[in-house]
Amino acid sequence: MKNILIIGSGFMGTSIALAVGNRNTFCVEEHSPFKDFLIERDVYKNIYSSLDEVEDREFDLIIICLRQKSVPDKINEVSKKYPSSIITEISSSKNFLKKYNMPENFISSHPICGSHNTGPQYSDGELFKNKEVIVISNPNKFLSEKIELFWNSIGAKVTYMDIDEHNKIYAFLSHFPHYFSFIYKKILEEEKIDYKRLSGDSLKEILRLSESDKDLWNEIFSDNKENLDFLVEKVNKYLK
């Protein structure tokens, strides 16, 4: 794709940019410390503080890498300004998308990779090599083919799912393990157990997930609550 715009350049957005290369990649990043880092590292061809600052340029693909709560409004804003661009976003839970009428040029993605670390300083241009990206099934074959070609171009493999299937599967594979890790860490702290000093590698690996961005994961837990509640019931059944 000739020109790509990434909106939000934290860990994931910057990793995508590094995988693509800066020759044809542009960025909107409102967070000044992130912006300074990105300029210093020459990650993008150009960086803007807002969508309004972006000059009159066409983009083949626009990738929204923002907190889930900001995604719907940003999709709406971007689609009005760039009606001919392909728009995607990378949220981990997709239930919120069902509440909105998405524009015809939108197709949702979920790269199955990441880190408990946040910020562009931890980004990795090799992050997507041989990783899965779930693309939410879309009747528009052109969008599907183009977004699959993009993810393939940075080393990823694409699997298609509908929203409900995606949310159920990733409640099992990702959201519940994070949910348990946050809760178990809280229990250890309430009981004043010195787990940092006394635990072995196995517990540290479980608790590593709880080092992830708590606000981000609370959004995910809330959005996928129905599937998480089902899993909690399943666990309780086996604990009795």
Foldseek 3Di string as FASTA:
>chain_A
DQAEEEEAQKQVSLLLLLLVAAPRYEYADQDVVLVVVCVVVVSHPYYHPDPVPDPPDAHQEYEYEDQPVCPPVVQVVVCVVHVNHQYEYAAQADLVVVVDDGRPSYKYKHWPWDFLDMGNVPYHNLGAAATEMEIEDDPPVVSVVVVQVSSVSSHHHYDYDHRVVSLLVCVVVPLVLLVVLLVVVVVCVVVVPPCVPPPDPVNVVSNRSPSHDPVSSVVSCVSSVVSNVVVVVVVVVVVD
